[in-house]
Amino acid sequence: MTSRLIASAIHSTVKLNDGVVMPLFGLGVYQVENNCADLVAAAIDTGYKLIDTAEFYHNEEGVGSGLKQSGKKREDIFIVSKWFPSAEGAKGALKALDHCLKGLQSNYVDLYLLHAPQGGHCAEAYRALLDAKKQGKIRSLGVSNFGVSHLEALAKLGLDKPSVNQIELHPWQQKNDIVKYCREHDITVMGYSPLAKGHKVQDKTVGEIAKKLSKTPAQVLIRWSVQHGFITIPKTSQASRLQSNADVFDWSIPEEDMKTLNALGNTPWSCTWDPTNNSLKEAGLQ
């Protein structure tokens, strides 16, 4: 079982099950379009070491440009991207990977994920991406939005264990069964939408805790994720929020308040899709 590692700084890292070392904190760039390059460069300048993009976000090129703009060496920044599984299967996955590398202006991506258990060909595509990993195009291979049944299916098929499972995680969407399975099987948990896409920053409970701790509601939600030991990637499209979103390491939420926040999960609510319950047939993992 993996022990829960809590980030103590913006540059804190975790060693994945394949030996790759990954930052525990970074920037998510979903729906960041026009200013993606400038935002990524500003994030890197602020100290961010991890950028999370995807084929579906249509901004891999912006991430690549932002990295160039920052002047940092490619190996100093950890980039995550994802293939959006489709009926094209392995062919589509390899095509998306090549497009990703072209956009990033790089000959490799640090972590590549299957975005969801969908499209009917995930096993076939996963095998093809494992080959791409052997070729050096991918340093680490993982999944996103996979439920326990999908992770079990990968194991049953004899495929290499994914290094990471990226899932929606915030107080209203805790996915305890998936988190437990991942931790028991040495799969690192990465949470997306820690701010619940901004829908819950006005929540009364979060607001009261924020006031008590002299923090913003956004900082409380981000710290909740960090304190649970999840790789945390708050998204913002405003450079002015990069610093405050990262000011979550020199303080902690008291245990009683963590319990209060955890209790919000008793009334589950999601800010996005949930493919974690897709059938094995939909995923192509039978």
C-alpha atoms as a PDB file:
ATOM      1  CA  MET A   1       0.000   0.000   0.000  1.00  0.00           C
ATOM      2  CA  THR A   2       1.293   3.485  -0.818  1.00  0.00           C
ATOM      3  CA  SER A   3       1.757   5.739   2.173  1.00  0.00           C
ATOM      4  CA  ARG A   4       0.039   9.086   1.859  1.00  0.00           C
ATOM      5  CA  LEU A   5       2.599  11.739   1.006  1.00  0.00           C
ATOM      6  CA  ILE A   6       1.511  15.325   1.692  1.00  0.00           C
ATOM      7  CA  ALA A   7       3.180  18.119  -0.295  1.00  0.00           C
ATOM      8  CA  SER A   8       5.107  20.536   1.932  1.00  0.00           C
ATOM      9  CA  ALA A   9       6.050  22.956  -0.870  1.00  0.00           C
ATOM     10  CA  ILE A  10       5.189  23.815  -4.472  1.00  0.00           C
ATOM     11  CA  HIS A  11       8.130  21.661  -5.626  1.00  0.00           C
ATOM     12  CA  SER A  12       7.329  18.572  -3.473  1.00  0.00           C
ATOM     13  CA  THR A  13       7.381  15.309  -5.420  1.00  0.00           C
ATOM     14  CA  VAL A  14       6.207  11.699  -5.293  1.00  0.00           C
ATOM     15  CA  LYS A  15       7.859   8.639  -6.834  1.00  0.00           C
ATOM     16  CA  LEU A  16       5.362   6.759  -9.031  1.00  0.00           C
ATOM     17  CA  ASN A  17       5.189   2.954  -9.217  1.00  0.00           C
ATOM     18  CA  ASP A  18       7.402   2.963 -12.338  1.00  0.00           C
ATOM     19  CA  GLY A  19      10.126   5.014 -10.659  1.00  0.00           C
ATOM     20  CA  VAL A  20       9.259   8.331 -12.355  1.00  0.00           C
ATOM     21  CA  VAL A  21       9.367  11.302  -9.958  1.00  0.00           C
ATOM     22  CA  MET A  22       6.371  13.634 -10.302  1.00  0.00           C
ATOM     23  CA  PRO A  23       5.483  16.977  -8.662  1.00  0.00           C
ATOM     24  CA  LEU A  24       2.546  16.862  -6.228  1.00  0.00           C
ATOM     25  CA  PHE A  25       1.204  20.283  -7.248  1.00  0.00           C
ATOM     26  CA  GLY A  26       0.614  22.022 -10.550  1.00  0.00           C
ATOM     27  CA  LEU A  27      -1.607  23.989 -12.902  1.00  0.00           C
ATOM     28  CA  GLY A  28      -4.625  22.613 -14.761  1.00  0.00           C
ATOM     29  CA  VAL A  29      -5.375  24.338 -18.082  1.00  0.00           C
ATOM     30  CA  TYR A  30      -8.839  23.037 -19.026  1.00  0.00           C
ATOM     31  CA  GLN A  31     -10.695  25.747 -21.023  1.00  0.00           C
ATOM     32  CA  VAL A  32      -7.635  28.012 -21.020  1.00  0.00           C
ATOM     33  CA  GLU A  33      -7.417  29.075 -24.636  1.00  0.00           C
ATOM     34  CA  ASN A  34      -6.305  32.540 -25.723  1.00  0.00           C
ATOM     35  CA  ASN A  35      -3.745  33.185 -22.980  1.00  0.00           C
ATOM     36  CA  CYS A  36      -2.495  29.614 -22.412  1.00  0.00           C
ATOM     37  CA  ALA A  37       1.156  30.269 -23.340  1.00  0.00           C
ATOM     38  CA  ASP A  38       1.390  33.430 -21.194  1.00  0.00           C
ATOM     39  CA  LEU A  39      -0.364  31.721 -18.274  1.00  0.00           C
ATOM     40  CA  VAL A  40       1.912  28.657 -18.398  1.00  0.00           C
ATOM     41  CA  ALA A  41       5.008  30.890 -18.561  1.00  0.00           C
ATOM     42  CA  ALA A  42       3.711  32.909 -15.579  1.00  0.00           C
ATOM     43  CA  ALA A  43       2.971  29.700 -13.623  1.00  0.00           C
ATOM     44  CA  ILE A  44       6.472  28.382 -14.249  1.00  0.00           C
ATOM     45  CA  ASP A  45       7.883  31.768 -13.193  1.00  0.00           C
ATOM     46  CA  THR A  46       5.813  31.494  -9.978  1.00  0.00           C
ATOM     47  CA  GLY A  47       7.413  28.133  -9.221  1.00  0.00           C
ATOM     48  CA  TYR A  48       4.926  25.641 -10.666  1.00  0.00           C
ATOM     49  CA  LYS A  49       6.688  22.467 -11.882  1.00  0.00           C
ATOM     50  CA  LEU A  50       3.659  20.579 -13.257  1.00  0.00           C
ATOM     51  CA  ILE A  51       1.279  21.486 -16.087  1.00  0.00           C
ATOM     52  CA  ASP A  52      -1.795  19.349 -16.876  1.00  0.00           C
ATOM     53  CA  THR A  53      -3.248  19.503 -20.398  1.00  0.00           C
ATOM     54  CA  ALA A  54      -5.108  17.130 -22.754  1.00  0.00           C
ATOM     55  CA  GLU A  55      -5.998  16.502 -26.380  1.00  0.00           C
ATOM     56  CA  PHE A  56      -9.578  17.484 -25.464  1.00  0.00           C
ATOM     57  CA  TYR A  57      -8.428  20.895 -24.146  1.00  0.00           C
ATOM     58  CA  HIS A  58      -7.003  21.929 -27.548  1.00  0.00           C
ATOM     59  CA  ASN A  59      -4.115  23.766 -25.888  1.00  0.00           C
ATOM     60  CA  GLU A  60      -1.136  21.390 -25.927  1.00  0.00           C
ATOM     61  CA  GLU A  61       0.488  23.840 -28.343  1.00  0.00           C
ATOM     62  CA  GLY A  62      -0.071  26.696 -25.877  1.00  0.00           C
ATOM     63  CA  VAL A  63       1.589  24.656 -23.135  1.00  0.00           C
ATOM     64  CA  GLY A  64       4.590  23.996 -25.405  1.00  0.00           C
ATOM     65  CA  SER A  65       4.834  27.688 -26.280  1.00  0.00           C
ATOM     66  CA  GLY A  66       4.542  28.674 -22.613  1.00  0.00           C
ATOM     67  CA  LEU A  67       7.367  26.335 -21.672  1.00  0.00           C
ATOM     68  CA  LYS A  68       9.571  27.841 -24.398  1.00  0.00           C
ATOM     69  CA  GLN A  69       8.582  31.349 -23.299  1.00  0.00           C
ATOM     70  CA  SER A  70       9.538  30.561 -19.689  1.00  0.00           C
ATOM     71  CA  GLY A  71      13.123  29.811 -20.666  1.00  0.00           C
ATOM     72  CA  LYS A  72      13.154  26.721 -18.441  1.00  0.00           C
ATOM     73  CA  LYS A  73      14.725  23.469 -19.613  1.00  0.00           C
ATOM     74  CA  ARG A  74      12.228  20.872 -20.828  1.00  0.00           C
ATOM     75  CA  GLU A  75      13.362  18.382 -18.161  1.00  0.00           C
ATOM     76  CA  ASP A  76      12.635  20.891 -15.373  1.00  0.00           C
ATOM     77  CA  ILE A  77       8.876  20.931 -16.052  1.00  0.00           C
ATOM     78  CA  PHE A  78       6.602  17.897 -15.758  1.00  0.00           C
ATOM     79  CA  ILE A  79       3.877  17.827 -18.422  1.00  0.00           C
ATOM     80  CA  VAL A  80       0.773  15.653 -18.277  1.00  0.00           C
ATOM     81  CA  SER A  81      -1.488  15.150 -21.279  1.00  0.00           C
ATOM     82  CA  LYS A  82      -4.324  12.795 -22.155  1.00  0.00           C
ATOM     83  CA  TRP A  83      -5.748  10.965 -25.158  1.00  0.00           C
ATOM     84  CA  PHE A  84      -9.535  11.201 -25.490  1.00  0.00           C
ATOM     85  CA  PRO A  85     -10.417   7.531 -26.218  1.00  0.00           C
ATOM     86  CA  SER A  86     -12.410   6.974 -29.390  1.00  0.00           C
ATOM     87  CA  ALA A  87     -13.405   4.191 -31.756  1.00  0.00           C
ATOM     88  CA  GLU A  88     -10.050   4.721 -33.500  1.00  0.00           C
ATOM     89  CA  GLY A  89      -8.392   2.723 -30.720  1.00  0.00           C
ATOM     90  CA  ALA A  90      -4.625   2.205 -30.888  1.00  0.00           C
ATOM     91  CA  LYS A  91      -4.298   4.124 -34.144  1.00  0.00           C
ATOM     92  CA  GLY A  92      -6.103   7.120 -32.647  1.00  0.00           C
ATOM     93  CA  ALA A  93      -4.052   6.998 -29.445  1.00  0.00           C
ATOM     94  CA  LEU A  94      -0.731   7.018 -31.307  1.00  0.00           C
ATOM     95  CA  LYS A  95      -1.928   9.776 -33.623  1.00  0.00           C
ATOM     96  CA  ALA A  96      -3.000  11.887 -30.623  1.00  0.00           C
ATOM     97  CA  LEU A  97       0.334  11.241 -28.907  1.00  0.00           C
ATOM     98  CA  ASP A  98       2.290  12.424 -31.956  1.00  0.00           C
ATOM     99  CA  HIS A  99       0.076  15.515 -32.157  1.00  0.00           C
ATOM    100  CA  CYS A 100       0.709  16.118 -28.446  1.00  0.00           C
ATOM    101  CA  LEU A 101       4.491  15.935 -28.845  1.00  0.00           C
ATOM    102  CA  LYS A 102       4.375  18.270 -31.831  1.00  0.00           C
ATOM    103  CA  GLY A 103       2.330  20.780 -29.819  1.00  0.00           C
ATOM    104  CA  LEU A 104       4.632  20.518 -26.820  1.00  0.00           C
ATOM    105  CA  GLN A 105       7.672  20.946 -29.104  1.00  0.00           C
ATOM    106  CA  SER A 106       9.146  17.944 -27.302  1.00  0.00           C
ATOM    107  CA  ASN A 107      10.132  14.386 -28.140  1.00  0.00           C
ATOM    108  CA  TYR A 108       8.426  13.053 -24.997  1.00  0.00           C
ATOM    109  CA  VAL A 109       5.581  13.702 -22.563  1.00  0.00           C
ATOM    110  CA  ASP A 110       6.172  13.010 -18.869  1.00  0.00           C
ATOM    111  CA  LEU A 111       2.810  11.408 -18.099  1.00  0.00           C
ATOM    112  CA  TYR A 112       0.223  10.350 -20.679  1.00  0.00           C
ATOM    113  CA  LEU A 113      -3.251   9.278 -19.602  1.00  0.00           C
ATOM    114  CA  LEU A 114      -6.239   7.558 -21.164  1.00  0.00           C
ATOM    115  CA  HIS A 115      -8.760  10.330 -20.460  1.00  0.00           C
ATOM    116  CA  ALA A 116     -11.694   8.014 -19.708  1.00  0.00           C
ATOM    117  CA  PRO A 117     -12.830   4.377 -19.975  1.00  0.00           C
ATOM    118  CA  GLN A 118     -14.726   4.935 -23.229  1.00  0.00           C
ATOM    119  CA  GLY A 119     -14.470   4.412 -26.978  1.00  0.00           C
ATOM    120  CA  GLY A 120     -14.532   0.606 -26.828  1.00  0.00           C
ATOM    121  CA  HIS A 121     -10.774   0.062 -27.397  1.00  0.00           C
ATOM    122  CA  CYS A 122      -8.949   1.046 -24.184  1.00  0.00           C
ATOM    123  CA  ALA A 123      -7.042  -2.246 -23.769  1.00  0.00           C
ATOM    124  CA  GLU A 124      -5.768  -2.145 -27.352  1.00  0.00           C
ATOM    125  CA  ALA A 125      -4.787   1.526 -27.041  1.00  0.00           C
ATOM    126  CA  TYR A 126      -3.127   0.970 -23.656  1.00  0.00           C
ATOM    127  CA  ARG A 127      -0.926  -1.757 -25.182  1.00  0.00           C
ATOM    128  CA  ALA A 128       0.067   0.571 -28.027  1.00  0.00           C
ATOM    129  CA  LEU A 129       0.926   3.349 -25.575  1.00  0.00           C
ATOM    130  CA  LEU A 130       3.031   0.930 -23.522  1.00  0.00           C
ATOM    131  CA  ASP A 131       5.041   0.342 -26.705  1.00  0.00           C
ATOM    132  CA  ALA A 132       5.347   4.130 -27.151  1.00  0.00           C
ATOM    133  CA  LYS A 133       6.645   4.281 -23.579  1.00  0.00           C
ATOM    134  CA  LYS A 134       9.335   1.718 -24.446  1.00  0.00           C
ATOM    135  CA  GLN A 135      10.274   3.953 -27.396  1.00  0.00           C
ATOM    136  CA  GLY A 136      10.756   6.902 -25.012  1.00  0.00           C
ATOM    137  CA  LYS A 137       7.806   8.992 -26.220  1.00  0.00           C
ATOM    138  CA  ILE A 138       6.095   8.618 -22.827  1.00  0.00           C
ATOM    139  CA  ARG A 139       7.928   8.538 -19.491  1.00  0.00           C
ATOM    140  CA  SER A 140       4.949   7.280 -17.465  1.00  0.00           C
ATOM    141  CA  LEU A 141       1.550   5.873 -18.485  1.00  0.00           C
ATOM    142  CA  GLY A 142      -1.628   6.239 -16.477  1.00  0.00           C
ATOM    143  CA  VAL A 143      -5.391   6.648 -16.679  1.00  0.00           C
ATOM    144  CA  SER A 144      -8.093   9.155 -15.811  1.00  0.00           C
ATOM    145  CA  ASN A 145     -11.687   8.676 -14.679  1.00  0.00           C
ATOM    146  CA  PHE A 146     -11.148   4.922 -14.220  1.00  0.00           C
ATOM    147  CA  GLY A 147     -13.348   3.204 -11.655  1.00  0.00           C
ATOM    148  CA  VAL A 148     -12.320   0.161  -9.630  1.00  0.00           C
ATOM    149  CA  SER A 149     -13.821  -2.217 -12.221  1.00  0.00           C
ATOM    150  CA  HIS A 150     -11.684  -0.669 -14.988  1.00  0.00           C
ATOM    151  CA  LEU A 151      -8.494  -0.858 -12.914  1.00  0.00           C
ATOM    152  CA  GLU A 152      -9.258  -4.486 -12.034  1.00  0.00           C
ATOM    153  CA  ALA A 153      -9.858  -5.221 -15.725  1.00  0.00           C
ATOM    154  CA  LEU A 154      -6.431  -3.832 -16.695  1.00  0.00           C
ATOM    155  CA  ALA A 155      -4.847  -6.133 -14.092  1.00  0.00           C
ATOM    156  CA  LYS A 156      -6.891  -9.133 -15.272  1.00  0.00           C
ATOM    157  CA  LEU A 157      -5.693  -8.509 -18.837  1.00  0.00           C
ATOM    158  CA  GLY A 158      -2.106  -8.689 -17.573  1.00  0.00           C
ATOM    159  CA  LEU A 159      -1.336  -5.102 -18.546  1.00  0.00           C
ATOM    160  CA  ASP A 160       1.192  -2.970 -16.671  1.00  0.00           C
ATOM    161  CA  LYS A 161      -0.299  -1.144 -13.732  1.00  0.00           C
ATOM    162  CA  PRO A 162      -1.089   2.514 -14.484  1.00  0.00           C
ATOM    163  CA  SER A 163       1.150   4.897 -12.541  1.00  0.00           C
ATOM    164  CA  VAL A 164      -1.616   7.422 -11.875  1.00  0.00           C
ATOM    165  CA  ASN A 165      -5.408   7.625 -11.874  1.00  0.00           C
ATOM    166  CA  GLN A 166      -6.680  11.201 -12.259  1.00  0.00           C
ATOM    167  CA  ILE A 167     -10.241  11.636 -10.968  1.00  0.00           C
ATOM    168  CA  GLU A 168     -12.588  14.425  -9.871  1.00  0.00           C
ATOM    169  CA  LEU A 169     -11.818  15.125  -6.205  1.00  0.00           C
ATOM    170  CA  HIS A 170     -13.178  17.785  -3.853  1.00  0.00           C
ATOM    171  CA  PRO A 171     -15.229  17.606  -0.627  1.00  0.00           C
ATOM    172  CA  TRP A 172     -18.469  16.816  -2.526  1.00  0.00           C
ATOM    173  CA  GLN A 173     -16.882  14.140  -4.727  1.00  0.00           C
ATOM    174  CA  GLN A 174     -14.481  11.996  -2.699  1.00  0.00           C
ATOM    175  CA  LYS A 175     -14.649   8.674  -4.581  1.00  0.00           C
ATOM    176  CA  ASN A 176     -13.439   6.785  -1.519  1.00  0.00           C
ATOM    177  CA  ASP A 177     -13.690   3.351  -3.154  1.00  0.00           C
ATOM    178  CA  ILE A 178     -11.413   4.385  -6.042  1.00  0.00           C
ATOM    179  CA  VAL A 179      -8.949   6.201  -3.760  1.00  0.00           C
ATOM    180  CA  LYS A 180      -8.772   3.158  -1.465  1.00  0.00           C
ATOM    181  CA  TYR A 181      -8.182   0.751  -4.361  1.00  0.00           C
ATOM    182  CA  CYS A 182      -5.487   2.958  -5.879  1.00  0.00           C
ATOM    183  CA  ARG A 183      -3.638   3.341  -2.585  1.00  0.00           C
ATOM    184  CA  GLU A 184      -3.818  -0.389  -1.894  1.00  0.00           C
ATOM    185  CA  HIS A 185      -2.377  -1.112  -5.355  1.00  0.00           C
ATOM    186  CA  ASP A 186       0.334   1.588  -5.497  1.00  0.00           C
ATOM    187  CA  ILE A 187      -1.453   3.752  -8.081  1.00  0.00           C
ATOM    188  CA  THR A 188      -0.938   7.451  -7.292  1.00  0.00           C
ATOM    189  CA  VAL A 189      -4.134   9.496  -6.999  1.00  0.00           C
ATOM    190  CA  MET A 190      -4.337  12.793  -8.865  1.00  0.00           C
ATOM    191  CA  GLY A 191      -7.368  14.998  -8.302  1.00  0.00           C
ATOM    192  CA  TYR A 192      -8.870  17.354 -10.860  1.00  0.00           C
ATOM    193  CA  SER A 193     -11.338  20.187 -10.222  1.00  0.00           C
ATOM    194  CA  PRO A 194     -10.227  20.787  -6.599  1.00  0.00           C
ATOM    195  CA  LEU A 195     -12.129  24.084  -6.822  1.00  0.00           C
ATOM    196  CA  ALA A 196     -15.248  22.299  -8.162  1.00  0.00           C
ATOM    197  CA  LYS A 197     -15.004  24.666 -11.168  1.00  0.00           C
ATOM    198  CA  GLY A 198     -15.694  27.602  -8.861  1.00  0.00           C
ATOM    199  CA  HIS A 199     -19.240  26.448  -8.089  1.00  0.00           C
ATOM    200  CA  LYS A 200     -18.568  25.985  -4.378  1.00  0.00           C
ATOM    201  CA  VAL A 201     -16.386  28.952  -3.424  1.00  0.00           C
ATOM    202  CA  GLN A 202     -19.509  30.594  -1.982  1.00  0.00           C
ATOM    203  CA  ASP A 203     -20.382  27.514   0.106  1.00  0.00           C
ATOM    204  CA  LYS A 204     -21.286  28.523   3.671  1.00  0.00           C
ATOM    205  CA  THR A 205     -19.279  25.753   5.393  1.00  0.00           C
ATOM    206  CA  VAL A 206     -16.158  26.454   3.315  1.00  0.00           C
ATOM    207  CA  GLY A 207     -16.592  30.195   3.914  1.00  0.00           C
ATOM    208  CA  GLU A 208     -16.781  29.774   7.689  1.00  0.00           C
ATOM    209  CA  ILE A 209     -13.608  27.663   7.775  1.00  0.00           C
ATOM    210  CA  ALA A 210     -11.822  30.125   5.467  1.00  0.00           C
ATOM    211  CA  LYS A 211     -12.767  33.044   7.718  1.00  0.00           C
ATOM    212  CA  LYS A 212     -11.583  31.177  10.816  1.00  0.00           C
ATOM    213  CA  LEU A 213      -8.222  30.397   9.191  1.00  0.00           C
ATOM    214  CA  SER A 214      -7.854  33.833   7.510  1.00  0.00           C
ATOM    215  CA  LYS A 215      -7.669  32.160   4.093  1.00  0.00           C
ATOM    216  CA  THR A 216      -9.785  32.375   0.948  1.00  0.00           C
ATOM    217  CA  PRO A 217     -12.409  29.698   0.234  1.00  0.00           C
ATOM    218  CA  ALA A 218     -10.342  28.676  -2.822  1.00  0.00           C
ATOM    219  CA  GLN A 219      -7.264  28.146  -0.644  1.00  0.00           C
ATOM    220  CA  VAL A 220      -9.283  25.995   1.779  1.00  0.00           C
ATOM    221  CA  LEU A 221     -10.512  23.768  -1.062  1.00  0.00           C
ATOM    222  CA  ILE A 222      -7.030  23.447  -2.563  1.00  0.00           C
ATOM    223  CA  ARG A 223      -5.516  22.726   0.866  1.00  0.00           C
ATOM    224  CA  TRP A 224      -8.179  20.033   1.481  1.00  0.00           C
ATOM    225  CA  SER A 225      -6.902  18.191  -1.601  1.00  0.00           C
ATOM    226  CA  VAL A 226      -3.229  18.713  -0.712  1.00  0.00           C
ATOM    227  CA  GLN A 227      -3.858  17.552   2.868  1.00  0.00           C
ATOM    228  CA  HIS A 228      -5.474  14.343   1.590  1.00  0.00           C
ATOM    229  CA  GLY A 229      -2.232  13.598  -0.233  1.00  0.00           C
ATOM    230  CA  PHE A 230      -3.670  13.954  -3.741  1.00  0.00           C
ATOM    231  CA  ILE A 231      -1.649  15.404  -6.613  1.00  0.00           C
ATOM    232  CA  THR A 232      -3.486  18.725  -6.876  1.00  0.00           C
ATOM    233  CA  ILE A 233      -3.884  20.835 -10.035  1.00  0.00           C
ATOM    234  CA  PRO A 234      -6.064  23.921  -9.447  1.00  0.00           C
ATOM    235  CA  LYS A 235      -7.082  25.551 -12.701  1.00  0.00           C
ATOM    236  CA  THR A 236      -7.121  29.278 -13.217  1.00  0.00           C
ATOM    237  CA  SER A 237      -7.068  31.377 -16.352  1.00  0.00           C
ATOM    238  CA  GLN A 238      -5.894  34.428 -14.401  1.00  0.00           C
ATOM    239  CA  ALA A 239      -2.178  34.838 -13.723  1.00  0.00           C
ATOM    240  CA  SER A 240      -3.053  37.002 -10.701  1.00  0.00           C
ATOM    241  CA  ARG A 241      -4.415  33.904  -8.901  1.00  0.00           C
ATOM    242  CA  LEU A 242      -1.412  31.638  -9.480  1.00  0.00           C
ATOM    243  CA  GLN A 243       0.381  32.750  -6.311  1.00  0.00           C
ATOM    244  CA  SER A 244      -2.610  32.640  -3.955  1.00  0.00           C
ATOM    245  CA  ASN A 245      -3.596  29.179  -5.261  1.00  0.00           C
ATOM    246  CA  ALA A 246      -0.085  27.997  -4.389  1.00  0.00           C
ATOM    247  CA  ASP A 247      -0.034  29.574  -0.909  1.00  0.00           C
ATOM    248  CA  VAL A 248      -1.291  26.357   0.677  1.00  0.00           C
ATOM    249  CA  PHE A 249       1.823  24.732   2.107  1.00  0.00           C
ATOM    250  CA  ASP A 250       2.808  26.632   5.267  1.00  0.00           C
ATOM    251  CA  TRP A 251      -0.476  26.047   7.095  1.00  0.00           C
ATOM    252  CA  SER A 252      -2.964  23.221   7.533  1.00  0.00           C
ATOM    253  CA  ILE A 253      -6.660  22.716   8.127  1.00  0.00           C
ATOM    254  CA  PRO A 254      -7.301  21.529  11.722  1.00  0.00           C
ATOM    255  CA  GLU A 255      -8.571  17.953  12.039  1.00  0.00           C
ATOM    256  CA  GLU A 256     -12.036  19.039  13.227  1.00  0.00           C
ATOM    257  CA  ASP A 257     -12.455  21.256  10.154  1.00  0.00           C
ATOM    258  CA  MET A 258     -11.187  18.484   7.852  1.00  0.00           C
ATOM    259  CA  LYS A 259     -13.909  16.263   9.332  1.00  0.00           C
ATOM    260  CA  THR A 260     -16.483  18.979   8.634  1.00  0.00           C
ATOM    261  CA  LEU A 261     -15.294  19.299   5.028  1.00  0.00           C
ATOM    262  CA  ASN A 262     -15.197  15.519   4.576  1.00  0.00           C
ATOM    263  CA  ALA A 263     -18.809  15.339   5.812  1.00  0.00           C
ATOM    264  CA  LEU A 264     -19.874  17.431   2.801  1.00  0.00           C
ATOM    265  CA  GLY A 265     -19.313  14.248   0.790  1.00  0.00           C
ATOM    266  CA  ASN A 266     -22.360  12.723   2.496  1.00  0.00           C
ATOM    267  CA  THR A 267     -24.358  14.695  -0.075  1.00  0.00           C
ATOM    268  CA  PRO A 268     -22.441  13.917  -3.276  1.00  0.00           C
ATOM    269  CA  TRP A 269     -22.403  16.516  -6.018  1.00  0.00           C
ATOM    270  CA  SER A 270     -20.318  16.610  -9.192  1.00  0.00           C
ATOM    271  CA  CYS A 271     -19.170  19.580 -11.280  1.00  0.00           C
ATOM    272  CA  THR A 272     -18.526  17.469 -14.389  1.00  0.00           C
ATOM    273  CA  TRP A 273     -19.055  14.114 -16.147  1.00  0.00           C
ATOM    274  CA  ASP A 274     -18.485  10.805 -14.374  1.00  0.00           C
ATOM    275  CA  PRO A 275     -17.268   7.995 -16.638  1.00  0.00           C
ATOM    276  CA  THR A 276     -16.035   5.960 -13.628  1.00  0.00           C
ATOM    277  CA  ASN A 277     -19.180   3.830 -13.880  1.00  0.00           C
ATOM    278  CA  ASN A 278     -18.924   3.106 -17.620  1.00  0.00           C
ATOM    279  CA  SER A 279     -19.271  -0.572 -18.530  1.00  0.00           C
ATOM    280  CA  LEU A 280     -16.235  -2.658 -19.436  1.00  0.00           C
ATOM    281  CA  LYS A 281     -17.758  -2.985 -22.923  1.00  0.00           C
ATOM    282  CA  GLU A 282     -17.929   0.814 -23.321  1.00  0.00           C
ATOM    283  CA  ALA A 283     -14.297   0.927 -22.259  1.00  0.00           C
ATOM    284  CA  GLY A 284     -13.130  -2.013 -24.360  1.00  0.00           C
ATOM    285  CA  LEU A 285     -11.656  -3.751 -21.323  1.00  0.00           C
ATOM    286  CA  GLN A 286     -13.559  -7.064 -21.411  1.00  0.00           C
END
